[in-house]
Amino acid sequence: MSRPRSATANAPEPPPDLAEIARVARQSGRIALDTEFMGEGRYRTLLCLIQLAVADGAAGERIELVDPLEGDLDGSPLADVLADPDIQVVVHAGRQDVALVRRRLRTEVRNVLDTQVAAGFAGMPAQASYDSLLSKLLGVRVAKSASFTRWDSRPLSPEQLAYAREDVVHLLELAATLEGRLTELGRLEWAREECVPLQDSSDEGDLETMFARLPRVRGLPASSQTIARELVRWREDLAAAQDRPVQSILGDAALVEIAKRKPATSAKLEQIRGVNQGSLRRRGRDLLEVVRRGGELPPQASTPDARPPTLDPDDAPLIALAEALVRGRAREAGLAYELLASRADLQAIVIERRLGTDDADVRTLRGWRRELVGAELLDLLDGRVSLSVREEGDARRLRIM
């Protein structure tokens, strides 16, 4: 196994040559990526470190640690590589890693292969940890000693630097091993398809989504909902400017109550539970101005939630039967069950079948999942096939008839 080039324990970390890393990544066709970040006490999670690994020919694996907290960092060579669809970007459980890098480098990330996702198609648990996959597939154990340290402090300690390198030093080899297994099983394209949505991972919120998450907001009159939207907008802007969690500016329950009561004076505002004295002193006048401004806007009610059909007591045994089929097929195929269906997916399928409407819009009935088990599941619920148990040696197997 190749050894990464790295700094000695007490030497300062040399600045990364991202142009050289980009060249090597294009030559080899892939790059491994991981990140360290801090989310506590901030408006948005702070990206603190980017770890990269590339296969550098005869020189072995090359590891670079990129400090995104450097104000003069030119990340454009790395951004170009990550956006190149001809270069595979390897991550593990990388949804947040991709989201953070997309935002910090202002780039797209294409051709993602997530080793946690790929492992599920190779018959391993859907949420398999990086440590467990390294141990099982490569016979490698890593020391995890710095995961809960302050990644936003500088300089980083030798222990932190060593920990950061360990998160990518075997990642390319792990991906290659999983790709080999999936190629033999004929499932590599399934795994790649499953990774496509990761390319659009984002931690950016939109106003309507934030508004919709407020408790009981849809039960308010249209005029109060309009004020609530203005309060959400004001809260987001202030939290972003101060880099603070939105709930520290104004809690959800207090926000909804303000929108409901529409206070016009400080005395009225003070009567609302959840608006503390500190908030009144610092932001009372601003809150009243937002309420006034929202009250002058045309009332805008939200579209009521499209509530799914409710479960019938008779649905429960059908859901259990459907789950038995899916689990049986997952076991036979050597797939993690969670890749095929969730309980919510099965509930939706059973309800729509009972109502005689169109097929439920769930992943189990689309693409490779429909081919593997979805179509068969519909046949089972429609009575065209039956499910039984047969003995095979010391094991008991499901049988479709």
Protein backbone atom coordinates (compact mmCIF):
# COMPACT_ATOMS: atom_id res chain seq x y z
CA MET A 1 0.00 0.00 0.00
CA SER A 2 1.40 3.43 -0.90
CA ARG A 3 2.23 5.93 1.79
CA PRO A 4 1.20 9.60 1.49
CA ARG A 5 3.72 12.36 1.42
CA SER A 6 3.17 14.48 4.49
CA ALA A 7 4.79 17.03 6.78
CA THR A 8 6.68 15.88 9.83
CA ALA A 9 4.87 16.01 13.14
CA ASN A 10 6.29 19.39 14.27
CA ALA A 11 6.85 21.09 10.93
CA PRO A 12 4.39 23.75 9.73
CA GLU A 13 1.98 22.55 7.08
CA PRO A 14 3.23 23.76 3.68
CA PRO A 15 0.77 25.70 1.55
CA PRO A 16 -0.96 23.43 -0.96
CA ASP A 17 -0.15 23.65 -4.64
CA LEU A 18 -3.71 23.40 -5.94
CA ALA A 19 -2.65 23.83 -9.55
CA GLU A 20 -0.40 20.77 -9.21
CA ILE A 21 -3.13 18.82 -7.43
CA ALA A 22 -5.49 19.71 -10.26
CA ARG A 23 -2.98 18.51 -12.84
CA VAL A 24 -2.50 15.17 -11.08
CA ALA A 25 -6.27 14.75 -10.64
CA ARG A 26 -6.82 15.25 -14.35
CA GLN A 27 -4.08 12.79 -15.13
CA SER A 28 -5.48 10.08 -12.85
CA GLY A 29 -9.16 10.91 -13.41
CA ARG A 30 -10.19 11.05 -9.76
CA ILE A 31 -9.76 12.98 -6.52
CA ALA A 32 -10.76 12.12 -2.94
CA LEU A 33 -12.34 14.81 -0.80
CA ASP A 34 -13.23 15.24 2.86
CA THR A 35 -13.80 18.26 5.11
CA GLU A 36 -13.67 19.37 8.72
CA PHE A 37 -16.16 21.99 9.88
CA MET A 38 -17.75 23.72 12.87
CA GLY A 39 -21.45 24.49 13.12
CA GLU A 40 -21.92 25.40 16.76
CA GLY A 41 -23.01 28.97 17.50
CA ARG A 42 -23.05 30.10 13.86
CA TYR A 43 -25.56 31.04 11.22
CA ARG A 44 -24.01 28.67 8.70
CA THR A 45 -21.61 25.82 9.25
CA LEU A 46 -18.04 27.04 8.90
CA LEU A 47 -15.81 25.06 6.54
CA CYS A 48 -12.47 24.80 8.36
CA LEU A 49 -10.38 22.36 6.34
CA ILE A 50 -10.49 20.55 2.99
CA GLN A 51 -8.58 17.28 2.70
CA LEU A 52 -7.62 16.05 -0.77
CA ALA A 53 -5.98 12.88 -2.06
CA VAL A 54 -4.86 12.06 -5.59
CA ALA A 55 -2.99 9.10 -7.06
CA ASP A 56 0.38 10.50 -8.10
CA GLY A 57 1.77 7.68 -10.25
CA ALA A 58 5.02 6.16 -9.06
CA ALA A 59 5.19 8.71 -6.23
CA GLY A 60 2.16 7.07 -4.64
CA GLU A 61 -0.70 8.91 -3.03
CA ARG A 62 -0.46 12.64 -2.57
CA ILE A 63 -2.33 14.25 0.31
CA GLU A 64 -2.96 17.97 0.60
CA LEU A 65 -4.74 19.92 3.34
CA VAL A 66 -6.37 23.13 2.14
CA ASP A 67 -7.16 25.88 4.65
CA PRO A 68 -10.33 27.68 3.49
CA LEU A 69 -9.99 30.16 6.38
CA GLU A 70 -7.06 31.76 4.60
CA GLY A 71 -8.38 34.99 3.21
CA ASP A 72 -6.12 34.92 0.14
CA LEU A 73 -6.83 31.30 -0.83
CA ASP A 74 -7.21 30.89 -4.58
CA GLY A 75 -9.44 27.85 -4.82
CA SER A 76 -10.16 28.18 -8.53
CA PRO A 77 -7.90 25.25 -9.64
CA LEU A 78 -9.72 22.95 -7.22
CA ALA A 79 -13.12 24.38 -8.17
CA ASP A 80 -12.43 23.64 -11.84
CA VAL A 81 -11.49 20.04 -11.06
CA LEU A 82 -14.57 19.43 -8.90
CA ALA A 83 -16.83 20.79 -11.65
CA ASP A 84 -15.22 18.64 -14.36
CA PRO A 85 -17.56 15.70 -15.14
CA ASP A 86 -14.59 13.68 -16.41
CA ILE A 87 -12.97 13.63 -12.96
CA GLN A 88 -14.51 11.40 -10.31
CA VAL A 89 -14.91 13.01 -6.88
CA VAL A 90 -14.76 10.37 -4.13
CA VAL A 91 -16.34 11.10 -0.74
CA HIS A 92 -17.69 9.11 2.18
CA ALA A 93 -21.10 10.15 3.59
CA GLY A 94 -20.31 13.30 1.69
CA ARG A 95 -23.55 15.26 1.45
CA GLN A 96 -22.40 18.01 3.80
CA ASP A 97 -18.86 17.96 2.43
CA VAL A 98 -20.18 18.64 -1.06
CA ALA A 99 -22.57 21.34 0.17
CA LEU A 100 -19.84 23.18 2.06
CA VAL A 101 -17.30 23.03 -0.77
CA ARG A 102 -19.89 24.17 -3.33
CA ARG A 103 -20.68 27.23 -1.21
CA ARG A 104 -17.11 28.12 -0.21
CA LEU A 105 -15.54 27.68 -3.66
CA ARG A 106 -18.62 28.81 -5.59
CA THR A 107 -18.46 25.75 -7.78
CA GLU A 108 -20.46 22.76 -8.92
CA VAL A 109 -19.34 19.27 -7.92
CA ARG A 110 -19.86 16.61 -10.58
CA ASN A 111 -19.27 12.86 -10.97
CA VAL A 112 -19.55 12.07 -7.26
CA LEU A 113 -18.96 8.56 -5.90
CA ASP A 114 -19.92 8.18 -2.25
CA THR A 115 -18.29 5.08 -0.74
CA GLN A 116 -21.02 4.79 1.90
CA VAL A 117 -23.67 4.64 -0.83
CA ALA A 118 -21.57 2.24 -2.91
CA ALA A 119 -21.07 -0.05 0.08
CA GLY A 120 -24.84 -0.47 0.39
CA PHE A 121 -24.94 -1.93 -3.11
CA ALA A 122 -22.20 -4.36 -2.12
CA GLY A 123 -24.34 -5.85 0.65
CA MET A 124 -23.01 -3.79 3.55
CA PRO A 125 -25.09 -1.69 5.96
CA ALA A 126 -26.55 1.43 4.36
CA GLN A 127 -24.94 3.69 6.98
CA ALA A 128 -21.59 1.89 7.18
CA SER A 129 -18.90 4.06 8.75
CA TYR A 130 -15.63 4.84 7.04
CA ASP A 131 -13.73 3.02 9.80
CA SER A 132 -15.79 -0.14 9.42
CA LEU A 133 -15.38 -0.22 5.63
CA LEU A 134 -11.61 0.25 5.88
CA SER A 135 -11.42 -2.59 8.37
CA LYS A 136 -13.69 -4.94 6.44
CA LEU A 137 -12.50 -4.31 2.89
CA LEU A 138 -8.88 -3.19 3.28
CA GLY A 139 -7.89 -4.61 6.65
CA VAL A 140 -6.89 -1.11 7.77
CA ARG A 141 -7.56 0.50 11.13
CA VAL A 142 -7.23 4.23 11.74
CA ALA A 143 -6.95 6.12 15.01
CA LYS A 144 -9.80 8.60 15.50
CA SER A 145 -8.47 10.95 18.14
CA ALA A 146 -9.32 14.52 17.12
CA SER A 147 -12.87 14.48 15.79
CA PHE A 148 -14.31 16.87 18.41
CA THR A 149 -11.56 19.45 18.46
CA ARG A 150 -11.74 23.13 17.54
CA TRP A 151 -11.18 23.02 13.79
CA ASP A 152 -11.60 26.79 13.56
CA SER A 153 -8.56 27.52 15.76
CA ARG A 154 -5.14 28.18 14.25
CA PRO A 155 -2.56 26.78 14.13
CA LEU A 156 -3.91 23.25 13.88
CA SER A 157 -2.10 20.76 16.08
CA PRO A 158 -0.04 17.84 14.71
CA GLU A 159 -2.75 15.54 16.08
CA GLN A 160 -5.43 17.38 14.10
CA LEU A 161 -3.35 17.32 10.92
CA ALA A 162 -2.72 13.58 11.26
CA TYR A 163 -6.43 12.95 11.90
CA ALA A 164 -7.41 15.01 8.85
CA ARG A 165 -5.05 13.05 6.58
CA GLU A 166 -6.43 9.74 7.80
CA ASP A 167 -9.86 10.67 6.48
CA VAL A 168 -8.61 10.60 2.89
CA VAL A 169 -5.43 8.51 2.87
CA HIS A 170 -7.28 5.28 2.03
CA LEU A 171 -10.36 6.75 0.36
CA LEU A 172 -9.26 6.23 -3.25
CA GLU A 173 -8.25 2.64 -2.56
CA LEU A 174 -11.59 2.00 -0.84
CA ALA A 175 -13.47 3.43 -3.82
CA ALA A 176 -11.52 1.28 -6.26
CA THR A 177 -12.21 -1.85 -4.20
CA LEU A 178 -15.93 -1.11 -4.06
CA GLU A 179 -16.07 -0.33 -7.78
CA GLY A 180 -14.44 -3.67 -8.51
CA ARG A 181 -17.03 -5.51 -6.44
CA LEU A 182 -19.92 -3.61 -7.93
CA THR A 183 -18.66 -4.22 -11.47
CA GLU A 184 -18.63 -7.97 -10.78
CA LEU A 185 -22.17 -7.73 -9.40
CA GLY A 186 -23.39 -5.57 -12.29
CA ARG A 187 -24.42 -2.78 -9.89
CA LEU A 188 -21.86 -0.05 -10.48
CA GLU A 189 -24.29 1.99 -12.55
CA TRP A 190 -26.92 1.63 -9.83
CA ALA A 191 -24.50 3.12 -7.30
CA ARG A 192 -23.54 5.93 -9.67
CA GLU A 193 -27.20 6.72 -10.26
CA GLU A 194 -27.80 6.86 -6.52
CA CYS A 195 -24.93 9.32 -6.09
CA VAL A 196 -26.17 11.81 -8.71
CA PRO A 197 -28.42 13.79 -6.30
CA LEU A 198 -25.40 14.42 -4.07
CA GLN A 199 -24.05 16.77 -6.74
CA ASP A 200 -26.72 19.32 -5.84
CA SER A 201 -26.25 19.14 -2.06
CA SER A 202 -26.72 22.56 -0.49
CA ASP A 203 -26.95 24.11 2.95
CA GLU A 204 -28.57 27.25 1.60
CA GLY A 205 -32.16 27.77 2.73
CA ASP A 206 -34.99 29.59 0.98
CA LEU A 207 -37.53 31.86 2.59
CA GLU A 208 -40.60 29.75 1.81
CA THR A 209 -39.05 26.59 3.26
CA MET A 210 -38.09 28.43 6.45
CA PHE A 211 -41.57 29.91 6.68
CA ALA A 212 -43.21 26.51 6.18
CA ARG A 213 -41.24 25.04 9.09
CA LEU A 214 -42.72 27.48 11.59
CA PRO A 215 -45.10 25.82 14.08
CA ARG A 216 -48.82 26.33 13.37
CA VAL A 217 -48.12 29.12 10.91
CA ARG A 218 -50.54 27.80 8.27
CA GLY A 219 -53.39 28.23 10.73
CA LEU A 220 -52.87 31.99 10.88
CA PRO A 221 -54.92 34.47 8.85
CA ALA A 222 -53.37 35.54 5.55
CA SER A 223 -52.40 38.96 6.95
CA SER A 224 -50.53 37.32 9.83
CA GLN A 225 -48.79 34.89 7.50
CA THR A 226 -47.49 37.85 5.51
CA ILE A 227 -46.07 39.40 8.67
CA ALA A 228 -44.53 36.04 9.61
CA ARG A 229 -42.73 35.95 6.25
CA GLU A 230 -41.32 39.42 6.85
CA LEU A 231 -40.17 38.39 10.32
CA VAL A 232 -38.45 35.32 8.89
CA ARG A 233 -36.71 37.47 6.29
CA TRP A 234 -35.58 39.97 8.94
CA ARG A 235 -34.38 37.19 11.26
CA GLU A 236 -32.37 35.49 8.51
CA ASP A 237 -30.71 38.73 7.42
CA LEU A 238 -29.75 39.66 10.96
CA ALA A 239 -28.49 36.16 11.82
CA ALA A 240 -26.38 36.11 8.65
CA ALA A 241 -24.93 39.55 9.33
CA GLN A 242 -24.02 38.61 12.92
CA ASP A 243 -23.14 34.96 12.10
CA ARG A 244 -25.43 33.67 14.83
CA PRO A 245 -28.05 30.88 14.95
CA VAL A 246 -31.46 32.19 13.93
CA GLN A 247 -33.08 30.92 17.12
CA SER A 248 -30.78 33.18 19.17
CA ILE A 249 -32.25 36.17 17.33
CA LEU A 250 -35.91 35.22 17.77
CA GLY A 251 -37.41 31.83 18.53
CA ASP A 252 -39.98 30.23 16.23
CA ALA A 253 -42.81 30.23 18.77
CA ALA A 254 -42.30 33.91 19.61
CA LEU A 255 -42.11 34.80 15.91
CA VAL A 256 -45.44 33.14 15.16
CA GLU A 257 -47.07 34.79 18.19
CA ILE A 258 -45.82 38.22 17.12
CA ALA A 259 -47.26 37.65 13.64
CA LYS A 260 -50.55 36.55 15.17
CA ARG A 261 -50.93 39.47 17.62
CA LYS A 262 -49.40 42.21 15.43
CA PRO A 263 -48.14 44.39 18.29
CA ALA A 264 -47.89 48.10 17.50
CA THR A 265 -46.17 49.25 20.72
CA SER A 266 -43.30 48.13 22.92
CA ALA A 267 -45.77 47.46 25.73
CA LYS A 268 -47.76 45.08 23.52
CA LEU A 269 -44.59 43.42 22.29
CA GLU A 270 -43.37 42.93 25.86
CA GLN A 271 -46.50 40.91 26.68
CA ILE A 272 -45.60 38.20 24.18
CA ARG A 273 -44.03 35.15 25.72
CA GLY A 274 -40.59 34.32 24.35
CA VAL A 275 -39.55 37.90 23.63
CA ASN A 276 -37.04 38.52 26.39
CA GLN A 277 -35.94 41.84 27.80
CA GLY A 278 -32.59 41.67 26.05
CA SER A 279 -34.30 41.27 22.68
CA LEU A 280 -36.64 44.15 23.47
CA ARG A 281 -33.77 46.47 24.30
CA ARG A 282 -31.71 45.55 21.25
CA ARG A 283 -34.35 44.80 18.65
CA GLY A 284 -37.74 45.95 19.91
CA ARG A 285 -37.94 48.93 17.59
CA ASP A 286 -36.84 46.83 14.60
CA LEU A 287 -39.41 44.13 15.40
CA LEU A 288 -42.22 46.68 15.54
CA GLU A 289 -41.07 48.14 12.21
CA VAL A 290 -41.09 44.70 10.57
CA VAL A 291 -44.61 44.08 11.88
CA ARG A 292 -45.75 47.46 10.56
CA ARG A 293 -44.14 46.87 7.17
CA GLY A 294 -45.60 43.38 6.89
CA GLY A 295 -49.03 44.69 7.80
CA GLU A 296 -48.93 47.09 4.85
CA LEU A 297 -48.20 44.34 2.32
CA PRO A 298 -51.00 42.54 0.44
CA PRO A 299 -52.05 39.50 2.52
CA GLN A 300 -50.50 36.31 1.20
CA ALA A 301 -51.68 32.98 2.56
CA SER A 302 -49.63 29.85 2.04
CA THR A 303 -50.89 27.01 -0.06
CA PRO A 304 -52.34 24.38 2.28
CA ASP A 305 -50.26 21.26 2.65
CA ALA A 306 -51.35 18.48 0.33
CA ARG A 307 -52.09 15.93 3.01
CA PRO A 308 -51.46 12.34 1.96
CA PRO A 309 -54.29 9.83 2.33
CA THR A 310 -54.45 8.39 5.82
CA LEU A 311 -53.70 4.81 6.73
CA ASP A 312 -56.57 2.39 7.12
CA PRO A 313 -56.33 -0.30 9.86
CA ASP A 314 -56.51 -2.92 7.11
CA ASP A 315 -53.35 -1.49 5.53
CA ALA A 316 -51.07 -2.69 8.35
CA PRO A 317 -50.84 -6.37 7.33
CA LEU A 318 -50.29 -5.39 3.68
CA ILE A 319 -47.46 -3.08 4.68
CA ALA A 320 -45.91 -5.90 6.70
CA LEU A 321 -46.30 -8.25 3.72
CA ALA A 322 -44.69 -5.68 1.41
CA GLU A 323 -41.81 -5.21 3.82
CA ALA A 324 -41.26 -8.97 3.97
CA LEU A 325 -40.98 -9.12 0.19
CA VAL A 326 -38.60 -6.17 -0.02
CA ARG A 327 -36.40 -7.47 2.80
CA GLY A 328 -36.32 -10.90 1.18
CA ARG A 329 -35.29 -9.48 -2.18
CA ALA A 330 -32.69 -7.23 -0.54
CA ARG A 331 -31.20 -10.22 1.24
CA GLU A 332 -31.11 -12.33 -1.92
CA ALA A 333 -29.51 -9.49 -3.87
CA GLY A 334 -26.97 -8.70 -1.16
CA LEU A 335 -28.22 -5.13 -0.86
CA ALA A 336 -28.86 -2.95 2.16
CA TYR A 337 -32.64 -2.97 2.67
CA GLU A 338 -32.67 0.80 3.21
CA LEU A 339 -31.56 1.30 -0.39
CA LEU A 340 -34.79 -0.23 -1.67
CA ALA A 341 -37.54 1.23 0.48
CA SER A 342 -38.46 3.01 3.67
CA ARG A 343 -41.60 2.31 5.67
CA ALA A 344 -43.05 5.59 4.35
CA ASP A 345 -42.47 4.35 0.78
CA LEU A 346 -44.33 1.10 1.50
CA GLN A 347 -47.18 2.92 3.23
CA ALA A 348 -47.64 5.18 0.22
CA ILE A 349 -47.62 2.22 -2.18
CA VAL A 350 -50.22 0.29 -0.15
CA ILE A 351 -52.52 3.32 0.26
CA GLU A 352 -52.44 4.24 -3.43
CA ARG A 353 -53.10 0.61 -4.37
CA ARG A 354 -56.11 0.52 -2.05
CA LEU A 355 -57.49 3.75 -3.50
CA GLY A 356 -56.96 2.52 -7.06
CA THR A 357 -55.12 5.69 -8.08
CA ASP A 358 -51.83 6.05 -9.95
CA ASP A 359 -48.70 4.38 -8.64
CA ALA A 360 -47.24 6.14 -5.62
CA ASP A 361 -44.47 8.57 -6.50
CA VAL A 362 -41.77 6.85 -4.44
CA ARG A 363 -38.27 5.66 -5.29
CA THR A 364 -39.19 1.96 -4.88
CA LEU A 365 -41.28 2.17 -8.05
CA ARG A 366 -38.68 3.97 -10.15
CA GLY A 367 -35.60 2.95 -12.12
CA TRP A 368 -33.55 -0.04 -11.03
CA ARG A 369 -35.60 -0.45 -7.84
CA ARG A 370 -38.78 -1.07 -9.84
CA GLU A 371 -36.92 -3.63 -11.92
CA LEU A 372 -35.53 -5.39 -8.86
CA VAL A 373 -38.59 -5.42 -6.61
CA GLY A 374 -41.08 -2.62 -7.33
CA ALA A 375 -43.03 -4.27 -10.15
CA GLU A 376 -43.13 -7.53 -8.21
CA LEU A 377 -44.41 -5.67 -5.16
CA LEU A 378 -47.33 -4.26 -7.16
CA ASP A 379 -48.14 -7.74 -8.45
CA LEU A 380 -48.18 -9.01 -4.86
CA LEU A 381 -50.56 -6.28 -3.69
CA ASP A 382 -52.81 -6.86 -6.72
CA GLY A 383 -53.02 -10.59 -5.98
CA ARG A 384 -51.24 -11.70 -9.14
CA VAL A 385 -48.50 -13.44 -7.16
CA SER A 386 -48.32 -14.90 -3.65
CA LEU A 387 -45.65 -15.13 -0.99
CA SER A 388 -44.69 -18.30 0.87
CA VAL A 389 -41.78 -19.76 2.84
CA ARG A 390 -39.65 -22.68 1.71
CA GLU A 391 -36.92 -24.65 3.44
CA GLU A 392 -33.42 -24.57 1.93
CA GLY A 393 -31.09 -26.63 4.08
CA ASP A 394 -30.89 -24.90 7.43
CA ALA A 395 -32.39 -21.67 6.09
CA ARG A 396 -35.93 -20.53 5.35
CA ARG A 397 -36.47 -18.45 2.20
CA LEU A 398 -39.33 -16.46 0.76
CA ARG A 399 -40.90 -17.92 -2.34
CA ILE A 400 -42.86 -15.95 -4.93
CA MET A 401 -45.57 -17.89 -6.78
